[in-house]
Amino acid sequence: MTCRIAALLHCLPSAVAAMPATDYDLLCQYFAAEPWGPWRDNLHAAIIAREVRRTLTRQHRIDLQQFMVVPPEQRDRGSVQQFVAALKAMAGPRKHVSELAPR
């Protein structure tokens, strides 16, 4: 979290590490209450993606987490492999129009 706060405040991590613990705790609480920077952008993009999918599927409850970009260190290898398998299943060869017509 120190590096993230330093990057978002445009200062060095050593400057964040040197700040009083109360200031650091307040910044962490503020970030948890109102995300800013890349996390906020990620959240906004996920909300838009969810709403687009909601109009296409007519589902009322869609989990927002499935649209969030997850940092590599937090990714679950199993879910990534499941996602790739789902993409492979959807990416089958397209059928020609003549193959779709009833005989």
PDB file of N, CA and C in Angstrom:
ATOM      1  N   MET A   1       0.825  -1.192   0.000  1.00  0.00           N
ATOM      2  CA  MET A   1       0.000   0.000   0.000  1.00  0.00           C
ATOM      3  C   MET A   1       0.868   1.254   0.000  1.00  0.00           C
ATOM      4  N   THR A   2       2.049   1.168   0.577  1.00  0.00           N
ATOM      5  CA  THR A   2       2.937   2.336   0.642  1.00  0.00           C
ATOM      6  C   THR A   2       3.290   2.820  -0.756  1.00  0.00           C
ATOM      7  N   CYS A   3       3.640   1.896  -1.638  1.00  0.00           N
ATOM      8  CA  CYS A   3       4.016   2.289  -3.003  1.00  0.00           C
ATOM      9  C   CYS A   3       2.822   2.860  -3.758  1.00  0.00           C
ATOM     10  N   ARG A   4       1.630   2.285  -3.551  1.00  0.00           N
ATOM     11  CA  ARG A   4       0.435   2.799  -4.228  1.00  0.00           C
ATOM     12  C   ARG A   4       0.142   4.224  -3.775  1.00  0.00           C
ATOM     13  N   ILE A   5       0.206   4.471  -2.480  1.00  0.00           N
ATOM     14  CA  ILE A   5      -0.047   5.821  -1.973  1.00  0.00           C
ATOM     15  C   ILE A   5       1.021   6.782  -2.482  1.00  0.00           C
ATOM     16  N   ALA A   6       2.264   6.339  -2.501  1.00  0.00           N
ATOM     17  CA  ALA A   6       3.338   7.206  -3.001  1.00  0.00           C
ATOM     18  C   ALA A   6       3.128   7.554  -4.467  1.00  0.00           C
ATOM     19  N   ALA A   7       2.741   6.569  -5.270  1.00  0.00           N
ATOM     20  CA  ALA A   7       2.528   6.833  -6.697  1.00  0.00           C
ATOM     21  C   ALA A   7       1.358   7.789  -6.909  1.00  0.00           C
ATOM     22  N   LEU A   8       0.303   7.602  -6.146  1.00  0.00           N
ATOM     23  CA  LEU A   8      -0.862   8.452  -6.321  1.00  0.00           C
ATOM     24  C   LEU A   8      -0.661   9.860  -5.762  1.00  0.00           C
ATOM     25  N   LEU A   9       0.245   9.997  -4.795  1.00  0.00           N
ATOM     26  CA  LEU A   9       0.576  11.324  -4.263  1.00  0.00           C
ATOM     27  C   LEU A   9       1.743  11.964  -5.009  1.00  0.00           C
ATOM     28  N   HIS A  10       2.318  11.224  -5.962  1.00  0.00           N
ATOM     29  CA  HIS A  10       3.455  11.698  -6.751  1.00  0.00           C
ATOM     30  C   HIS A  10       4.656  12.036  -5.870  1.00  0.00           C
ATOM     31  N   CYS A  11       4.971  11.112  -4.977  1.00  0.00           N
ATOM     32  CA  CYS A  11       6.157  11.284  -4.143  1.00  0.00           C
ATOM     33  C   CYS A  11       6.852   9.928  -4.022  1.00  0.00           C
ATOM     34  N   LEU A  12       7.996   9.915  -3.391  1.00  0.00           N
ATOM     35  CA  LEU A  12       8.757   8.676  -3.225  1.00  0.00           C
ATOM     36  C   LEU A  12       8.185   7.838  -2.086  1.00  0.00           C
ATOM     37  N   PRO A  13       8.313   6.505  -2.188  1.00  0.00           N
ATOM     38  CA  PRO A  13       7.862   5.662  -1.079  1.00  0.00           C
ATOM     39  C   PRO A  13       8.543   5.992   0.245  1.00  0.00           C
ATOM     40  N   SER A  14       9.784   6.464   0.180  1.00  0.00           N
ATOM     41  CA  SER A  14      10.476   6.831   1.416  1.00  0.00           C
ATOM     42  C   SER A  14       9.792   8.019   2.097  1.00  0.00           C
ATOM     43  N   ALA A  15       9.210   8.924   1.299  1.00  0.00           N
ATOM     44  CA  ALA A  15       8.489  10.057   1.881  1.00  0.00           C
ATOM     45  C   ALA A  15       7.208   9.576   2.565  1.00  0.00           C
ATOM     46  N   VAL A  16       6.553   8.580   1.975  1.00  0.00           N
ATOM     47  CA  VAL A  16       5.349   8.028   2.601  1.00  0.00           C
ATOM     48  C   VAL A  16       5.734   7.271   3.861  1.00  0.00           C
ATOM     49  N   ALA A  17       6.839   6.515   3.811  1.00  0.00           N
ATOM     50  CA  ALA A  17       7.286   5.764   4.985  1.00  0.00           C
ATOM     51  C   ALA A  17       7.698   6.704   6.122  1.00  0.00           C
ATOM     52  N   ALA A  18       8.153   7.908   5.779  1.00  0.00           N
ATOM     53  CA  ALA A  18       8.594   8.852   6.801  1.00  0.00           C
ATOM     54  C   ALA A  18       7.441   9.637   7.426  1.00  0.00           C
ATOM     55  N   MET A  19       6.262   9.572   6.812  1.00  0.00           N
ATOM     56  CA  MET A  19       5.147  10.343   7.372  1.00  0.00           C
ATOM     57  C   MET A  19       4.652   9.692   8.659  1.00  0.00           C
ATOM     58  N   PRO A  20       4.020  10.460   9.521  1.00  0.00           N
ATOM     59  CA  PRO A  20       3.510   9.899  10.779  1.00  0.00           C
ATOM     60  C   PRO A  20       2.484   8.790  10.517  1.00  0.00           C
ATOM     61  N   ALA A  21       2.426   7.842  11.424  1.00  0.00           N
ATOM     62  CA  ALA A  21       1.526   6.691  11.272  1.00  0.00           C
ATOM     63  C   ALA A  21       0.069   7.133  11.198  1.00  0.00           C
ATOM     64  N   THR A  22      -0.289   8.193  11.906  1.00  0.00           N
ATOM     65  CA  THR A  22      -1.682   8.650  11.863  1.00  0.00           C
ATOM     66  C   THR A  22      -2.057   9.147  10.466  1.00  0.00           C
ATOM     67  N   ASP A  23      -1.123   9.848   9.812  1.00  0.00           N
ATOM     68  CA  ASP A  23      -1.381  10.315   8.447  1.00  0.00           C
ATOM     69  C   ASP A  23      -1.524   9.134   7.492  1.00  0.00           C
ATOM     70  N   TYR A  24      -0.641   8.172   7.642  1.00  0.00           N
ATOM     71  CA  TYR A  24      -0.689   6.983   6.779  1.00  0.00           C
ATOM     72  C   TYR A  24      -2.006   6.230   6.991  1.00  0.00           C
ATOM     73  N   ASP A  25      -2.411   6.053   8.234  1.00  0.00           N
ATOM     74  CA  ASP A  25      -3.672   5.366   8.527  1.00  0.00           C
ATOM     75  C   ASP A  25      -4.865   6.133   7.955  1.00  0.00           C
ATOM     76  N   LEU A  26      -4.825   7.451   8.071  1.00  0.00           N
ATOM     77  CA  LEU A  26      -5.915   8.257   7.514  1.00  0.00           C
ATOM     78  C   LEU A  26      -5.981   8.124   5.991  1.00  0.00           C
ATOM     79  N   LEU A  27      -4.826   8.110   5.328  1.00  0.00           N
ATOM     80  CA  LEU A  27      -4.813   7.933   3.878  1.00  0.00           C
ATOM     81  C   LEU A  27      -5.356   6.558   3.489  1.00  0.00           C
ATOM     82  N   CYS A  28      -5.007   5.532   4.249  1.00  0.00           N
ATOM     83  CA  CYS A  28      -5.516   4.181   3.976  1.00  0.00           C
ATOM     84  C   CYS A  28      -7.027   4.128   4.169  1.00  0.00           C
ATOM     85  N   GLN A  29      -7.528   4.767   5.214  1.00  0.00           N
ATOM     86  CA  GLN A  29      -8.975   4.798   5.453  1.00  0.00           C
ATOM     87  C   GLN A  29      -9.692   5.581   4.356  1.00  0.00           C
ATOM     88  N   TYR A  30      -9.094   6.680   3.954  1.00  0.00           N
ATOM     89  CA  TYR A  30      -9.686   7.487   2.886  1.00  0.00           C
ATOM     90  C   TYR A  30      -9.749   6.695   1.581  1.00  0.00           C
ATOM     91  N   PHE A  31      -8.663   5.990   1.268  1.00  0.00           N
ATOM     92  CA  PHE A  31      -8.620   5.200   0.038  1.00  0.00           C
ATOM     93  C   PHE A  31      -9.663   4.079   0.078  1.00  0.00           C
ATOM     94  N   ALA A  32      -9.874   3.478   1.251  1.00  0.00           N
ATOM     95  CA  ALA A  32     -10.876   2.409   1.377  1.00  0.00           C
ATOM     96  C   ALA A  32     -12.290   2.967   1.208  1.00  0.00           C
ATOM     97  N   ALA A  33     -12.526   4.182   1.691  1.00  0.00           N
ATOM     98  CA  ALA A  33     -13.861   4.781   1.603  1.00  0.00           C
ATOM     99  C   ALA A  33     -14.147   5.338   0.215  1.00  0.00           C
ATOM    100  N   GLU A  34     -13.174   6.006  -0.374  1.00  0.00           N
ATOM    101  CA  GLU A  34     -13.343   6.617  -1.687  1.00  0.00           C
ATOM    102  C   GLU A  34     -12.134   6.286  -2.550  1.00  0.00           C
ATOM    103  N   PRO A  35     -12.223   5.201  -3.325  1.00  0.00           N
ATOM    104  CA  PRO A  35     -11.068   4.822  -4.148  1.00  0.00           C
ATOM    105  C   PRO A  35     -10.728   5.906  -5.167  1.00  0.00           C
ATOM    106  N   TRP A  36      -9.459   6.036  -5.466  1.00  0.00           N
ATOM    107  CA  TRP A  36      -8.994   7.025  -6.417  1.00  0.00           C
ATOM    108  C   TRP A  36      -7.877   6.441  -7.245  1.00  0.00           C
ATOM    109  N   GLY A  37      -7.582   7.086  -8.340  1.00  0.00           N
ATOM    110  CA  GLY A  37      -6.516   6.621  -9.214  1.00  0.00           C
ATOM    111  C   GLY A  37      -6.954   5.407 -10.025  1.00  0.00           C
ATOM    112  N   PRO A  38      -6.022   4.491 -10.299  1.00  0.00           N
ATOM    113  CA  PRO A  38      -6.320   3.333 -11.150  1.00  0.00           C
ATOM    114  C   PRO A  38      -7.449   2.459 -10.604  1.00  0.00           C
ATOM    115  N   TRP A  39      -7.546   2.317  -9.281  1.00  0.00           N
ATOM    116  CA  TRP A  39      -8.616   1.485  -8.725  1.00  0.00           C
ATOM    117  C   TRP A  39      -9.993   2.076  -9.047  1.00  0.00           C
ATOM    118  N   ARG A  40     -10.120   3.396  -8.946  1.00  0.00           N
ATOM    119  CA  ARG A  40     -11.390   4.048  -9.268  1.00  0.00           C
ATOM    120  C   ARG A  40     -11.716   3.879 -10.746  1.00  0.00           C
ATOM    121  N   ASP A  41     -10.718   4.036 -11.604  1.00  0.00           N
ATOM    122  CA  ASP A  41     -10.934   3.851 -13.035  1.00  0.00           C
ATOM    123  C   ASP A  41     -11.372   2.423 -13.339  1.00  0.00           C
ATOM    124  N   ASN A  42     -10.761   1.458 -12.662  1.00  0.00           N
ATOM    125  CA  ASN A  42     -11.128   0.061 -12.811  1.00  0.00           C
ATOM    126  C   ASN A  42     -12.577  -0.144 -12.389  1.00  0.00           C
ATOM    127  N   LEU A  43     -12.964   0.468 -11.283  1.00  0.00           N
ATOM    128  CA  LEU A  43     -14.323   0.342 -10.768  1.00  0.00           C
ATOM    129  C   LEU A  43     -15.337   0.929 -11.743  1.00  0.00           C
ATOM    130  N   HIS A  44     -15.042   2.097 -12.299  1.00  0.00           N
ATOM    131  CA  HIS A  44     -15.958   2.723 -13.247  1.00  0.00           C
ATOM    132  C   HIS A  44     -16.106   1.884 -14.512  1.00  0.00           C
ATOM    133  N   ALA A  45     -15.023   1.347 -15.020  1.00  0.00           N
ATOM    134  CA  ALA A  45     -15.095   0.499 -16.214  1.00  0.00           C
ATOM    135  C   ALA A  45     -15.898  -0.772 -15.931  1.00  0.00           C
ATOM    136  N   ALA A  46     -15.742  -1.335 -14.738  1.00  0.00           N
ATOM    137  CA  ALA A  46     -16.495  -2.543 -14.369  1.00  0.00           C
ATOM    138  C   ALA A  46     -17.985  -2.246 -14.269  1.00  0.00           C
ATOM    139  N   ILE A  47     -18.344  -1.083 -13.752  1.00  0.00           N
ATOM    140  CA  ILE A  47     -19.763  -0.710 -13.657  1.00  0.00           C
ATOM    141  C   ILE A  47     -20.371  -0.598 -15.057  1.00  0.00           C
ATOM    142  N   ILE A  48     -19.643   0.019 -15.972  1.00  0.00           N
ATOM    143  CA  ILE A  48     -20.142   0.165 -17.342  1.00  0.00           C
ATOM    144  C   ILE A  48     -20.283  -1.210 -17.997  1.00  0.00           C
ATOM    145  N   ALA A  49     -19.282  -2.071 -17.834  1.00  0.00           N
ATOM    146  CA  ALA A  49     -19.346  -3.414 -18.417  1.00  0.00           C
ATOM    147  C   ALA A  49     -20.519  -4.205 -17.846  1.00  0.00           C
ATOM    148  N   ARG A  50     -20.748  -4.084 -16.560  1.00  0.00           N
ATOM    149  CA  ARG A  50     -21.867  -4.791 -15.933  1.00  0.00           C
ATOM    150  C   ARG A  50     -23.206  -4.314 -16.488  1.00  0.00           C
ATOM    151  N   GLU A  51     -23.350  -3.007 -16.661  1.00  0.00           N
ATOM    152  CA  GLU A  51     -24.617  -2.478 -17.165  1.00  0.00           C
ATOM    153  C   GLU A  51     -24.851  -2.875 -18.620  1.00  0.00           C
ATOM    154  N   VAL A  52     -23.804  -2.921 -19.417  1.00  0.00           N
ATOM    155  CA  VAL A  52     -23.950  -3.382 -20.805  1.00  0.00           C
ATOM    156  C   VAL A  52     -24.377  -4.839 -20.816  1.00  0.00           C
ATOM    157  N   ARG A  53     -23.742  -5.652 -19.992  1.00  0.00           N
ATOM    158  CA  ARG A  53     -24.111  -7.066 -19.933  1.00  0.00           C
ATOM    159  C   ARG A  53     -25.534  -7.237 -19.400  1.00  0.00           C
ATOM    160  N   ARG A  54     -25.935  -6.426 -18.467  1.00  0.00           N
ATOM    161  CA  ARG A  54     -27.289  -6.529 -17.906  1.00  0.00           C
ATOM    162  C   ARG A  54     -28.342  -6.301 -18.985  1.00  0.00           C
ATOM    163  N   THR A  55     -28.105  -5.348 -19.891  1.00  0.00           N
ATOM    164  CA  THR A  55     -29.077  -5.102 -20.956  1.00  0.00           C
ATOM    165  C   THR A  55     -29.133  -6.256 -21.948  1.00  0.00           C
ATOM    166  N   LEU A  56     -28.015  -6.956 -22.124  1.00  0.00           N
ATOM    167  CA  LEU A  56     -27.975  -8.067 -23.073  1.00  0.00           C
ATOM    168  C   LEU A  56     -28.541  -9.359 -22.496  1.00  0.00           C
ATOM    169  N   THR A  57     -28.381  -9.578 -21.193  1.00  0.00           N
ATOM    170  CA  THR A  57     -28.804 -10.846 -20.594  1.00  0.00           C
ATOM    171  C   THR A  57     -30.082 -10.737 -19.785  1.00  0.00           C
ATOM    172  N   ARG A  58     -30.537  -9.544 -19.492  1.00  0.00           N
ATOM    173  CA  ARG A  58     -31.732  -9.297 -18.690  1.00  0.00           C
ATOM    174  C   ARG A  58     -31.612  -9.867 -17.268  1.00  0.00           C
ATOM    175  N   GLN A  59     -30.392 -10.017 -16.786  1.00  0.00           N
ATOM    176  CA  GLN A  59     -30.178 -10.444 -15.403  1.00  0.00           C
ATOM    177  C   GLN A  59     -30.226  -9.209 -14.512  1.00  0.00           C
ATOM    178  N   HIS A  60     -30.811  -9.363 -13.341  1.00  0.00           N
ATOM    179  CA  HIS A  60     -30.898  -8.224 -12.430  1.00  0.00           C
ATOM    180  C   HIS A  60     -29.688  -8.138 -11.517  1.00  0.00           C
ATOM    181  N   ARG A  61     -29.161  -9.280 -11.108  1.00  0.00           N
ATOM    182  CA  ARG A  61     -28.010  -9.279 -10.205  1.00  0.00           C
ATOM    183  C   ARG A  61     -26.801  -9.862 -10.915  1.00  0.00           C
ATOM    184  N   ILE A  62     -25.839  -9.009 -11.192  1.00  0.00           N
ATOM    185  CA  ILE A  62     -24.585  -9.438 -11.809  1.00  0.00           C
ATOM    186  C   ILE A  62     -23.464  -8.966 -10.900  1.00  0.00           C
ATOM    187  N   ASP A  63     -22.596  -9.880 -10.519  1.00  0.00           N
ATOM    188  CA  ASP A  63     -21.496  -9.570  -9.609  1.00  0.00           C
ATOM    189  C   ASP A  63     -20.498  -8.642 -10.290  1.00  0.00           C
ATOM    190  N   LEU A  64     -20.210  -7.534  -9.665  1.00  0.00           N
ATOM    191  CA  LEU A  64     -19.289  -6.547 -10.225  1.00  0.00           C
ATOM    192  C   LEU A  64     -17.853  -7.062 -10.262  1.00  0.00           C
ATOM    193  N   GLN A  65     -17.497  -7.960  -9.352  1.00  0.00           N
ATOM    194  CA  GLN A  65     -16.115  -8.442  -9.260  1.00  0.00           C
ATOM    195  C   GLN A  65     -15.645  -9.146 -10.525  1.00  0.00           C
ATOM    196  N   GLN A  66     -16.551  -9.752 -11.281  1.00  0.00           N
ATOM    197  CA  GLN A  66     -16.124 -10.471 -12.474  1.00  0.00           C
ATOM    198  C   GLN A  66     -15.615  -9.540 -13.568  1.00  0.00           C
ATOM    199  N   PHE A  67     -15.879  -8.252 -13.453  1.00  0.00           N
ATOM    200  CA  PHE A  67     -15.416  -7.289 -14.441  1.00  0.00           C
ATOM    201  C   PHE A  67     -14.207  -6.487 -13.974  1.00  0.00           C
ATOM    202  N   MET A  68     -13.794  -6.673 -12.730  1.00  0.00           N
ATOM    203  CA  MET A  68     -12.670  -5.918 -12.193  1.00  0.00           C
ATOM    204  C   MET A  68     -11.345  -6.522 -12.670  1.00  0.00           C
ATOM    205  N   VAL A  69     -10.406  -5.664 -12.997  1.00  0.00           N
ATOM    206  CA  VAL A  69      -9.068  -6.122 -13.342  1.00  0.00           C
ATOM    207  C   VAL A  69      -8.365  -6.472 -12.033  1.00  0.00           C
ATOM    208  N   VAL A  70      -7.849  -7.683 -11.950  1.00  0.00           N
ATOM    209  CA  VAL A  70      -7.222  -8.163 -10.725  1.00  0.00           C
ATOM    210  C   VAL A  70      -5.708  -8.127 -10.906  1.00  0.00           C
ATOM    211  N   PRO A  71      -4.974  -7.544  -9.954  1.00  0.00           N
ATOM    212  CA  PRO A  71      -3.513  -7.538 -10.053  1.00  0.00           C
ATOM    213  C   PRO A  71      -2.966  -8.962 -10.120  1.00  0.00           C
ATOM    214  N   PRO A  72      -1.863  -9.175 -10.838  1.00  0.00           N
ATOM    215  CA  PRO A  72      -1.321 -10.529 -11.009  1.00  0.00           C
ATOM    216  C   PRO A  72      -1.061 -11.266  -9.695  1.00  0.00           C
ATOM    217  N   GLU A  73      -0.650 -10.558  -8.664  1.00  0.00           N
ATOM    218  CA  GLU A  73      -0.337 -11.232  -7.403  1.00  0.00           C
ATOM    219  C   GLU A  73      -1.590 -11.712  -6.672  1.00  0.00           C
ATOM    220  N   GLN A  74      -2.761 -11.210  -7.060  1.00  0.00           N
ATOM    221  CA  GLN A  74      -4.005 -11.612  -6.408  1.00  0.00           C
ATOM    222  C   GLN A  74      -4.825 -12.589  -7.252  1.00  0.00           C
ATOM    223  N   ARG A  75      -4.341 -12.916  -8.452  1.00  0.00           N
ATOM    224  CA  ARG A  75      -5.106 -13.789  -9.327  1.00  0.00           C
ATOM    225  C   ARG A  75      -5.078 -15.226  -8.855  1.00  0.00           C
ATOM    226  N   ASP A  76      -6.200 -15.881  -9.046  1.00  0.00           N
ATOM    227  CA  ASP A  76      -6.318 -17.308  -8.764  1.00  0.00           C
ATOM    228  C   ASP A  76      -6.049 -18.039 -10.077  1.00  0.00           C
ATOM    229  N   ARG A  77      -5.046 -18.910 -10.088  1.00  0.00           N
ATOM    230  CA  ARG A  77      -4.670 -19.601 -11.324  1.00  0.00           C
ATOM    231  C   ARG A  77      -5.822 -20.425 -11.886  1.00  0.00           C
ATOM    232  N   GLY A  78      -6.637 -21.029 -11.025  1.00  0.00           N
ATOM    233  CA  GLY A  78      -7.756 -21.839 -11.484  1.00  0.00           C
ATOM    234  C   GLY A  78      -8.777 -21.024 -12.242  1.00  0.00           C
ATOM    235  N   SER A  79      -9.078 -19.815 -11.764  1.00  0.00           N
ATOM    236  CA  SER A  79     -10.080 -18.990 -12.432  1.00  0.00           C
ATOM    237  C   SER A  79      -9.563 -18.497 -13.782  1.00  0.00           C
ATOM    238  N   VAL A  80      -8.269 -18.242 -13.891  1.00  0.00           N
ATOM    239  CA  VAL A  80      -7.696 -17.828 -15.169  1.00  0.00           C
ATOM    240  C   VAL A  80      -7.797 -18.977 -16.165  1.00  0.00           C
ATOM    241  N   GLN A  81      -7.489 -20.196 -15.716  1.00  0.00           N
ATOM    242  CA  GLN A  81      -7.577 -21.350 -16.602  1.00  0.00           C
ATOM    243  C   GLN A  81      -9.019 -21.616 -17.011  1.00  0.00           C
ATOM    244  N   GLN A  82      -9.973 -21.416 -16.112  1.00  0.00           N
ATOM    245  CA  GLN A  82     -11.385 -21.582 -16.453  1.00  0.00           C
ATOM    246  C   GLN A  82     -11.818 -20.533 -17.485  1.00  0.00           C
ATOM    247  N   PHE A  83     -11.322 -19.326 -17.336  1.00  0.00           N
ATOM    248  CA  PHE A  83     -11.656 -18.261 -18.271  1.00  0.00           C
ATOM    249  C   PHE A  83     -11.118 -18.580 -19.665  1.00  0.00           C
ATOM    250  N   VAL A  84      -9.883 -19.049 -19.745  1.00  0.00           N
ATOM    251  CA  VAL A  84      -9.285 -19.410 -21.031  1.00  0.00           C
ATOM    252  C   VAL A  84     -10.051 -20.574 -21.656  1.00  0.00           C
ATOM    253  N   ALA A  85     -10.448 -21.559 -20.849  1.00  0.00           N
ATOM    254  CA  ALA A  85     -11.218 -22.687 -21.364  1.00  0.00           C
ATOM    255  C   ALA A  85     -12.567 -22.222 -21.910  1.00  0.00           C
ATOM    256  N   ALA A  86     -13.201 -21.275 -21.229  1.00  0.00           N
ATOM    257  CA  ALA A  86     -14.478 -20.737 -21.712  1.00  0.00           C
ATOM    258  C   ALA A  86     -14.297 -20.010 -23.035  1.00  0.00           C
ATOM    259  N   LEU A  87     -13.209 -19.244 -23.158  1.00  0.00           N
ATOM    260  CA  LEU A  87     -12.943 -18.550 -24.423  1.00  0.00           C
ATOM    261  C   LEU A  87     -12.705 -19.540 -25.550  1.00  0.00           C
ATOM    262  N   LYS A  88     -11.972 -20.624 -25.264  1.00  0.00           N
ATOM    263  CA  LYS A  88     -11.726 -21.647 -26.292  1.00  0.00           C
ATOM    264  C   LYS A  88     -13.035 -22.306 -26.718  1.00  0.00           C
ATOM    265  N   ALA A  89     -13.920 -22.549 -25.770  1.00  0.00           N
ATOM    266  CA  ALA A  89     -15.202 -23.171 -26.099  1.00  0.00           C
ATOM    267  C   ALA A  89     -16.052 -22.256 -26.975  1.00  0.00           C
ATOM    268  N   MET A  90     -15.983 -20.948 -26.733  1.00  0.00           N
ATOM    269  CA  MET A  90     -16.764 -19.996 -27.524  1.00  0.00           C
ATOM    270  C   MET A  90     -16.143 -19.748 -28.893  1.00  0.00           C
ATOM    271  N   ALA A  91     -14.861 -20.011 -29.043  1.00  0.00           N
ATOM    272  CA  ALA A  91     -14.140 -19.661 -30.261  1.00  0.00           C
ATOM    273  C   ALA A  91     -14.125 -20.792 -31.281  1.00  0.00           C
ATOM    274  N   GLY A  92     -15.141 -21.627 -31.289  1.00  0.00           N
ATOM    275  CA  GLY A  92     -15.211 -22.701 -32.275  1.00  0.00           C
ATOM    276  C   GLY A  92     -15.378 -22.132 -33.675  1.00  0.00           C
ATOM    277  N   PRO A  93     -15.194 -22.974 -34.679  1.00  0.00           N
ATOM    278  CA  PRO A  93     -15.327 -22.469 -36.057  1.00  0.00           C
ATOM    279  C   PRO A  93     -16.769 -22.058 -36.345  1.00  0.00           C
ATOM    280  N   ARG A  94     -16.924 -21.005 -37.110  1.00  0.00           N
ATOM    281  CA  ARG A  94     -18.258 -20.527 -37.469  1.00  0.00           C
ATOM    282  C   ARG A  94     -18.838 -21.398 -38.566  1.00  0.00           C
ATOM    283  N   LYS A  95     -20.125 -21.590 -38.482  1.00  0.00           N
ATOM    284  CA  LYS A  95     -20.794 -22.384 -39.501  1.00  0.00           C
ATOM    285  C   LYS A  95     -21.249 -21.473 -40.634  1.00  0.00           C
ATOM    286  N   HIS A  96     -21.206 -22.002 -41.830  1.00  0.00           N
ATOM    287  CA  HIS A  96     -21.654 -21.268 -43.005  1.00  0.00           C
ATOM    288  C   HIS A  96     -23.173 -21.227 -42.987  1.00  0.00           C
ATOM    289  N   VAL A  97     -23.767 -20.229 -43.607  1.00  0.00           N
ATOM    290  CA  VAL A  97     -25.213 -20.056 -43.626  1.00  0.00           C
ATOM    291  C   VAL A  97     -25.903 -21.302 -44.192  1.00  0.00           C
ATOM    292  N   SER A  98     -25.312 -21.933 -45.195  1.00  0.00           N
ATOM    293  CA  SER A  98     -25.931 -23.107 -45.805  1.00  0.00           C
ATOM    294  C   SER A  98     -25.993 -24.274 -44.829  1.00  0.00           C
ATOM    295  N   GLU A  99     -25.086 -24.313 -43.847  1.00  0.00           N
ATOM    296  CA  GLU A  99     -25.089 -25.382 -42.851  1.00  0.00           C
ATOM    297  C   GLU A  99     -26.171 -25.157 -41.801  1.00  0.00           C
ATOM    298  N   LEU A 100     -26.614 -23.917 -41.633  1.00  0.00           N
ATOM    299  CA  LEU A 100     -27.606 -23.601 -40.619  1.00  0.00           C
ATOM    300  C   LEU A 100     -29.038 -23.813 -41.104  1.00  0.00           C
ATOM    301  N   ALA A 101     -29.252 -23.789 -42.421  1.00  0.00           N
ATOM    302  CA  ALA A 101     -30.603 -23.922 -42.967  1.00  0.00           C
ATOM    303  C   ALA A 101     -31.125 -25.332 -42.754  1.00  0.00           C
ATOM    304  N   PRO A 102     -32.420 -25.460 -42.399  1.00  0.00           N
ATOM    305  CA  PRO A 102     -32.982 -26.812 -42.208  1.00  0.00           C
ATOM    306  C   PRO A 102     -33.057 -27.542 -43.547  1.00  0.00           C
ATOM    307  N   ARG A 103     -32.916 -28.839 -43.490  1.00  0.00           N
ATOM    308  CA  ARG A 103     -32.912 -29.631 -44.717  1.00  0.00           C
ATOM    309  C   ARG A 103     -34.222 -30.286 -44.941  1.00  0.00           C
TER     310      ARG A 103
END
